[in-house]
C-alpha atoms as a PDB file:
ATOM      1  CA  MET A   1     123.775  96.705  99.629  1.00  0.00           C
ATOM      2  CA  MET A   2     120.770  95.923 101.802  1.00  0.00           C
ATOM      3  CA  LYS A   3     119.204  92.479 101.492  1.00  0.00           C
ATOM      4  CA  LEU A   4     115.631  91.780 102.535  1.00  0.00           C
ATOM      5  CA  LEU A   5     113.782  88.565 103.304  1.00  0.00           C
ATOM      6  CA  LEU A   6     110.070  89.168 103.720  1.00  0.00           C
ATOM      7  CA  THR A   7     108.154  86.486 105.548  1.00  0.00           C
ATOM      8  CA  ASP A   8     104.563  86.044 106.574  1.00  0.00           C
ATOM      9  CA  SER A   9     104.655  86.061 110.384  1.00  0.00           C
ATOM     10  CA  GLY A  10     108.153  84.751 110.934  1.00  0.00           C
ATOM     11  CA  ILE A  11     110.184  81.632 110.288  1.00  0.00           C
ATOM     12  CA  LYS A  12     107.881  78.685 109.595  1.00  0.00           C
ATOM     13  CA  ASN A  13     110.412  75.920 108.918  1.00  0.00           C
ATOM     14  CA  ALA A  14     114.104  75.029 108.768  1.00  0.00           C
ATOM     15  CA  SER A  15     114.218  75.709 105.032  1.00  0.00           C
ATOM     16  CA  ILE A  16     113.220  79.365 105.494  1.00  0.00           C
ATOM     17  CA  GLN A  17     115.668  79.749 108.381  1.00  0.00           C
ATOM     18  CA  GLY A  18     118.424  78.280 106.209  1.00  0.00           C
ATOM     19  CA  ALA A  19     117.562  80.716 103.412  1.00  0.00           C
ATOM     20  CA  LEU A  20     117.740  83.566 105.915  1.00  0.00           C
ATOM     21  CA  VAL A  21     121.208  82.557 107.123  1.00  0.00           C
ATOM     22  CA  ASP A  22     122.370  82.111 103.497  1.00  0.00           C
ATOM     23  CA  LEU A  23     121.021  85.552 102.613  1.00  0.00           C
ATOM     24  CA  LEU A  24     122.731  87.138 105.619  1.00  0.00           C
ATOM     25  CA  GLY A  25     126.059  85.517 104.863  1.00  0.00           C
ATOM     26  CA  LYS A  26     126.769  85.333 108.593  1.00  0.00           C
ATOM     27  CA  PRO A  27     125.136  83.937 111.740  1.00  0.00           C
ATOM     28  CA  ILE A  28     121.883  85.465 112.974  1.00  0.00           C
ATOM     29  CA  ALA A  29     123.669  86.407 116.215  1.00  0.00           C
ATOM     30  CA  GLU A  30     125.893  88.783 114.226  1.00  0.00           C
ATOM     31  CA  SER A  31     123.010  90.353 112.274  1.00  0.00           C
ATOM     32  CA  SER A  32     120.326  92.978 112.872  1.00  0.00           C
ATOM     33  CA  ALA A  33     116.636  92.696 112.000  1.00  0.00           C
ATOM     34  CA  LEU A  34     113.734  95.085 111.511  1.00  0.00           C
ATOM     35  CA  CYS A  35     110.300  93.915 112.633  1.00  0.00           C
ATOM     36  CA  ILE A  36     107.265  95.505 110.930  1.00  0.00           C
ATOM     37  CA  PRO A  37     104.242  94.151 112.817  1.00  0.00           C
ATOM     38  CA  THR A  38     101.604  96.577 111.500  1.00  0.00           C
ATOM     39  CA  ALA A  39     100.629  94.167 108.724  1.00  0.00           C
ATOM     40  CA  GLY A  40      99.204  91.934 111.457  1.00  0.00           C
ATOM     41  CA  TYR A  41      96.347  94.368 112.021  1.00  0.00           C
ATOM     42  CA  GLY A  42      94.942  94.015 108.498  1.00  0.00           C
ATOM     43  CA  GLY A  43      93.319  90.583 108.607  1.00  0.00           C
ATOM     44  CA  PRO A  44      89.707  89.967 109.580  1.00  0.00           C
ATOM     45  CA  GLY A  45      90.713  87.815 112.571  1.00  0.00           C
ATOM     46  CA  ALA A  46      93.520  90.114 113.688  1.00  0.00           C
ATOM     47  CA  ASP A  47      93.900  91.319 117.236  1.00  0.00           C
ATOM     48  CA  PRO A  48      96.566  93.474 118.948  1.00  0.00           C
ATOM     49  CA  GLY A  49      97.895  90.358 120.694  1.00  0.00           C
ATOM     50  CA  GLY A  50      99.293  88.940 117.434  1.00  0.00           C
ATOM     51  CA  PRO A  51     101.768  91.746 116.710  1.00  0.00           C
ATOM     52  CA  TRP A  52     102.699  91.890 120.408  1.00  0.00           C
ATOM     53  CA  ARG A  53     103.527  88.165 120.435  1.00  0.00           C
ATOM     54  CA  PHE A  54     105.535  88.610 117.227  1.00  0.00           C
ATOM     55  CA  ILE A  55     107.582  91.501 118.656  1.00  0.00           C
ATOM     56  CA  SER A  56     108.061  89.962 122.096  1.00  0.00           C
ATOM     57  CA  GLY A  57     109.281  86.616 120.736  1.00  0.00           C
ATOM     58  CA  ARG A  58     106.263  84.728 122.087  1.00  0.00           C
ATOM     59  CA  SER A  59     104.872  83.798 118.682  1.00  0.00           C
ATOM     60  CA  ALA A  60     104.607  80.156 117.626  1.00  0.00           C
ATOM     61  CA  LEU A  61     106.519  81.223 114.490  1.00  0.00           C
ATOM     62  CA  PRO A  62     109.668  82.918 115.780  1.00  0.00           C
ATOM     63  CA  MET A  63     111.349  85.894 114.234  1.00  0.00           C
ATOM     64  CA  THR A  64     112.436  88.352 116.897  1.00  0.00           C
ATOM     65  CA  GLY A  65     113.362  85.469 119.210  1.00  0.00           C
ATOM     66  CA  LEU A  66     115.953  83.940 116.848  1.00  0.00           C
ATOM     67  CA  GLY A  67     118.917  85.458 118.693  1.00  0.00           C
ATOM     68  CA  TRP A  68     119.578  88.599 116.636  1.00  0.00           C
ATOM     69  CA  LYS A  69     122.354  91.024 117.556  1.00  0.00           C
ATOM     70  CA  SER A  70     119.659  93.715 117.565  1.00  0.00           C
ATOM     71  CA  VAL A  71     115.988  94.021 116.543  1.00  0.00           C
ATOM     72  CA  GLY A  72     114.280  97.254 115.536  1.00  0.00           C
ATOM     73  CA  VAL A  73     110.545  97.827 115.341  1.00  0.00           C
ATOM     74  CA  LEU A  74     108.888  99.986 112.693  1.00  0.00           C
END
């Protein structure tokens, strides 16, 4: 069974990170993630730098930089 946690631009607080770890049932370091940054292009103030920061782990709201075993990009 595949479980999904959809967030808006990453992990915003400890509560969401805790929910993610609970959903995974194991540490983030033992889990894989799929990053889908294309939604970042849809907003009126969007720029290509936003998805790049998200993918590269340089976003103020981390997702790819959480220490995953592997991260894919769609």
